[in-house]
Amino acid sequence: MCKYKDTDLGIKKLDFGVKRGSMAAYLTDGRVIIVPISMFPDIKRLSRAQREDYMIMDDQYFSFEAISKIYSVKDLLHC
């Protein structure tokens, strides 16, 4: 897990409907972070339906059926 200020963090869920142009990541410690999709050009190019077709692996990584890139919780938090 990503160690951030002495807390182990993982990803529980992603949500693309919270704010236009943003992605919300629900973390295992209960926090929600919202990041601009522009931080992830490959995700930005996906259609709405393709964004909803994501998978979370080991609470640490996420990817989409339509792209081969794998992102991590560290990519979201820059840790």
N, C-alpha and C. Protein backbone atom coordinates (compact mmCIF):
# COMPACT_ATOMS: atom_id res chain seq x y z
N MET A 1 0.83 -1.18 0.00
CA MET A 1 0.00 0.00 0.00
C MET A 1 0.87 1.24 0.00
N CYS A 2 0.33 2.30 -0.49
CA CYS A 2 1.02 3.58 -0.49
C CYS A 2 1.07 4.11 0.95
N LYS A 3 2.24 4.42 1.42
CA LYS A 3 2.39 4.95 2.78
C LYS A 3 2.37 6.46 2.68
N TYR A 4 1.35 7.07 3.21
CA TYR A 4 1.19 8.52 3.13
C TYR A 4 0.92 9.05 4.53
N LYS A 5 1.89 9.76 5.07
CA LYS A 5 1.77 10.30 6.43
C LYS A 5 1.38 9.21 7.42
N ASP A 6 2.16 8.11 7.40
CA ASP A 6 1.97 6.99 8.32
C ASP A 6 0.62 6.30 8.20
N THR A 7 0.00 6.36 7.06
CA THR A 7 -1.27 5.69 6.81
C THR A 7 -1.15 4.85 5.55
N ASP A 8 -1.59 3.60 5.63
CA ASP A 8 -1.62 2.75 4.45
C ASP A 8 -2.89 3.05 3.67
N LEU A 9 -2.73 3.34 2.39
CA LEU A 9 -3.87 3.71 1.56
C LEU A 9 -4.06 2.75 0.41
N GLY A 10 -5.30 2.50 0.09
CA GLY A 10 -5.66 1.71 -1.06
C GLY A 10 -6.88 2.34 -1.72
N ILE A 11 -7.25 1.82 -2.87
CA ILE A 11 -8.38 2.34 -3.63
C ILE A 11 -9.55 1.37 -3.50
N LYS A 12 -10.72 1.90 -3.15
CA LYS A 12 -11.93 1.07 -3.07
C LYS A 12 -12.79 1.22 -4.31
N LYS A 13 -12.88 2.44 -4.83
CA LYS A 13 -13.83 2.71 -5.92
C LYS A 13 -13.41 3.98 -6.66
N LEU A 14 -13.75 4.04 -7.95
CA LEU A 14 -13.57 5.25 -8.74
C LEU A 14 -14.94 5.76 -9.16
N ASP A 15 -15.07 7.07 -9.30
CA ASP A 15 -16.34 7.66 -9.71
C ASP A 15 -16.05 8.84 -10.64
N PHE A 16 -16.65 8.81 -11.82
CA PHE A 16 -16.43 9.87 -12.81
C PHE A 16 -17.60 10.84 -12.90
N GLY A 17 -18.59 10.67 -12.04
CA GLY A 17 -19.78 11.51 -12.10
C GLY A 17 -19.84 12.58 -11.01
N VAL A 18 -18.82 12.68 -10.20
CA VAL A 18 -18.83 13.62 -9.08
C VAL A 18 -18.73 15.07 -9.55
N LYS A 19 -17.81 15.33 -10.45
CA LYS A 19 -17.58 16.68 -10.95
C LYS A 19 -17.06 16.57 -12.38
N ARG A 20 -17.60 17.35 -13.27
CA ARG A 20 -17.22 17.30 -14.68
C ARG A 20 -15.70 17.49 -14.83
N GLY A 21 -15.09 16.62 -15.60
CA GLY A 21 -13.65 16.71 -15.85
C GLY A 21 -12.80 16.20 -14.70
N SER A 22 -13.43 15.51 -13.75
CA SER A 22 -12.71 15.01 -12.58
C SER A 22 -13.01 13.54 -12.34
N MET A 23 -12.13 12.95 -11.55
CA MET A 23 -12.28 11.56 -11.14
C MET A 23 -12.18 11.53 -9.62
N ALA A 24 -13.12 10.90 -8.97
CA ALA A 24 -13.07 10.74 -7.52
C ALA A 24 -12.57 9.33 -7.22
N ALA A 25 -11.63 9.26 -6.29
CA ALA A 25 -11.12 7.97 -5.84
C ALA A 25 -11.49 7.82 -4.37
N TYR A 26 -12.21 6.77 -4.06
CA TYR A 26 -12.60 6.47 -2.68
C TYR A 26 -11.52 5.57 -2.10
N LEU A 27 -10.90 6.02 -1.04
CA LEU A 27 -9.76 5.32 -0.46
C LEU A 27 -10.19 4.42 0.69
N THR A 28 -9.34 3.45 1.00
CA THR A 28 -9.65 2.47 2.02
C THR A 28 -9.71 3.07 3.42
N ASP A 29 -9.14 4.24 3.63
CA ASP A 29 -9.21 4.87 4.96
C ASP A 29 -10.43 5.78 5.10
N GLY A 30 -11.31 5.78 4.08
CA GLY A 30 -12.54 6.55 4.15
C GLY A 30 -12.50 7.90 3.46
N ARG A 31 -11.33 8.36 3.08
CA ARG A 31 -11.22 9.65 2.40
C ARG A 31 -11.58 9.51 0.93
N VAL A 32 -11.98 10.62 0.35
CA VAL A 32 -12.26 10.70 -1.08
C VAL A 32 -11.37 11.81 -1.63
N ILE A 33 -10.64 11.48 -2.68
CA ILE A 33 -9.85 12.52 -3.33
C ILE A 33 -10.40 12.73 -4.73
N ILE A 34 -10.39 13.96 -5.16
CA ILE A 34 -10.87 14.30 -6.49
C ILE A 34 -9.71 14.90 -7.26
N VAL A 35 -9.42 14.30 -8.41
CA VAL A 35 -8.32 14.76 -9.25
C VAL A 35 -8.85 15.07 -10.64
N PRO A 36 -8.24 16.04 -11.31
CA PRO A 36 -8.66 16.33 -12.68
C PRO A 36 -8.27 15.18 -13.62
N ILE A 37 -9.17 14.82 -14.50
CA ILE A 37 -8.86 13.76 -15.46
C ILE A 37 -7.72 14.19 -16.38
N SER A 38 -7.51 15.47 -16.53
CA SER A 38 -6.43 15.96 -17.39
C SER A 38 -5.06 15.48 -16.91
N MET A 39 -4.96 15.04 -15.65
CA MET A 39 -3.71 14.47 -15.14
C MET A 39 -3.41 13.13 -15.80
N PHE A 40 -4.43 12.53 -16.38
CA PHE A 40 -4.31 11.20 -16.99
C PHE A 40 -4.84 11.25 -18.43
N PRO A 41 -4.01 11.67 -19.38
CA PRO A 41 -4.47 11.86 -20.77
C PRO A 41 -5.12 10.62 -21.37
N ASP A 42 -4.63 9.43 -21.05
CA ASP A 42 -5.23 8.20 -21.60
C ASP A 42 -6.66 8.02 -21.11
N ILE A 43 -6.90 8.33 -19.84
CA ILE A 43 -8.25 8.21 -19.29
C ILE A 43 -9.15 9.30 -19.86
N LYS A 44 -8.60 10.48 -20.05
CA LYS A 44 -9.38 11.60 -20.60
C LYS A 44 -9.93 11.26 -21.98
N ARG A 45 -9.18 10.50 -22.77
CA ARG A 45 -9.61 10.14 -24.12
C ARG A 45 -10.69 9.06 -24.15
N LEU A 46 -10.93 8.39 -23.03
CA LEU A 46 -11.94 7.33 -22.99
C LEU A 46 -13.34 7.92 -23.00
N SER A 47 -14.26 7.18 -23.57
CA SER A 47 -15.67 7.57 -23.51
C SER A 47 -16.19 7.36 -22.09
N ARG A 48 -17.35 7.89 -21.80
CA ARG A 48 -17.95 7.72 -20.47
C ARG A 48 -18.13 6.24 -20.16
N ALA A 49 -18.63 5.49 -21.13
CA ALA A 49 -18.85 4.05 -20.92
C ALA A 49 -17.52 3.33 -20.68
N GLN A 50 -16.49 3.70 -21.40
CA GLN A 50 -15.18 3.07 -21.22
C GLN A 50 -14.59 3.39 -19.84
N ARG A 51 -14.82 4.59 -19.36
CA ARG A 51 -14.33 4.97 -18.01
C ARG A 51 -15.00 4.14 -16.93
N GLU A 52 -16.25 3.80 -17.14
CA GLU A 52 -16.98 3.01 -16.14
C GLU A 52 -16.54 1.55 -16.14
N ASP A 53 -15.82 1.13 -17.16
CA ASP A 53 -15.36 -0.25 -17.27
C ASP A 53 -13.93 -0.36 -16.72
N TYR A 54 -13.79 -0.03 -15.43
CA TYR A 54 -12.48 -0.08 -14.78
C TYR A 54 -12.38 -1.29 -13.86
N MET A 55 -11.15 -1.61 -13.49
CA MET A 55 -10.92 -2.68 -12.51
C MET A 55 -9.88 -2.20 -11.51
N ILE A 56 -10.06 -2.58 -10.26
CA ILE A 56 -9.11 -2.27 -9.20
C ILE A 56 -8.42 -3.57 -8.82
N MET A 57 -7.10 -3.52 -8.75
CA MET A 57 -6.31 -4.72 -8.45
C MET A 57 -5.53 -4.52 -7.16
N ASP A 58 -5.70 -5.42 -6.23
CA ASP A 58 -4.98 -5.42 -4.95
C ASP A 58 -5.09 -4.09 -4.20
N ASP A 59 -6.16 -3.37 -4.34
CA ASP A 59 -6.38 -2.07 -3.69
C ASP A 59 -5.36 -1.01 -4.08
N GLN A 60 -4.38 -1.34 -4.89
CA GLN A 60 -3.29 -0.43 -5.20
C GLN A 60 -3.26 0.06 -6.64
N TYR A 61 -3.87 -0.67 -7.53
CA TYR A 61 -3.76 -0.38 -8.95
C TYR A 61 -5.15 -0.34 -9.59
N PHE A 62 -5.25 0.41 -10.67
CA PHE A 62 -6.49 0.41 -11.43
C PHE A 62 -6.16 0.54 -12.91
N SER A 63 -7.04 -0.01 -13.72
CA SER A 63 -6.87 0.03 -15.16
C SER A 63 -8.26 -0.03 -15.79
N PHE A 64 -8.27 0.07 -17.10
CA PHE A 64 -9.50 0.09 -17.86
C PHE A 64 -9.41 -0.94 -18.97
N GLU A 65 -10.54 -1.52 -19.31
CA GLU A 65 -10.59 -2.52 -20.37
C GLU A 65 -10.07 -1.96 -21.69
N ALA A 66 -10.32 -0.68 -21.95
CA ALA A 66 -9.99 -0.08 -23.25
C ALA A 66 -8.53 0.34 -23.40
N ILE A 67 -7.77 0.39 -22.30
CA ILE A 67 -6.36 0.78 -22.39
C ILE A 67 -5.51 -0.21 -21.60
N SER A 68 -4.25 -0.30 -21.96
CA SER A 68 -3.38 -1.28 -21.30
C SER A 68 -2.58 -0.70 -20.14
N LYS A 69 -2.60 0.59 -19.96
CA LYS A 69 -1.84 1.23 -18.88
C LYS A 69 -2.46 0.90 -17.53
N ILE A 70 -1.58 0.67 -16.56
CA ILE A 70 -2.00 0.41 -15.18
C ILE A 70 -1.55 1.58 -14.32
N TYR A 71 -2.48 2.14 -13.56
CA TYR A 71 -2.20 3.26 -12.67
C TYR A 71 -2.18 2.76 -11.24
N SER A 72 -1.54 3.52 -10.36
CA SER A 72 -1.49 3.12 -8.96
C SER A 72 -2.03 4.23 -8.07
N VAL A 73 -2.25 3.89 -6.82
CA VAL A 73 -2.68 4.90 -5.85
C VAL A 73 -1.61 5.99 -5.75
N LYS A 74 -0.37 5.65 -5.97
CA LYS A 74 0.71 6.64 -5.96
C LYS A 74 0.54 7.66 -7.07
N ASP A 75 0.01 7.23 -8.21
CA ASP A 75 -0.25 8.17 -9.30
C ASP A 75 -1.30 9.20 -8.90
N LEU A 76 -2.26 8.79 -8.12
CA LEU A 76 -3.31 9.70 -7.65
C LEU A 76 -2.80 10.68 -6.62
N LEU A 77 -1.92 10.20 -5.75
CA LEU A 77 -1.46 11.01 -4.61
C LEU A 77 -0.07 11.61 -4.80
N HIS A 78 0.62 11.19 -5.83
CA HIS A 78 2.00 11.65 -6.06
C HIS A 78 2.87 11.35 -4.86
N CYS A 79 2.74 10.13 -4.31
CA CYS A 79 3.57 9.78 -3.16
C CYS A 79 4.58 8.71 -3.54
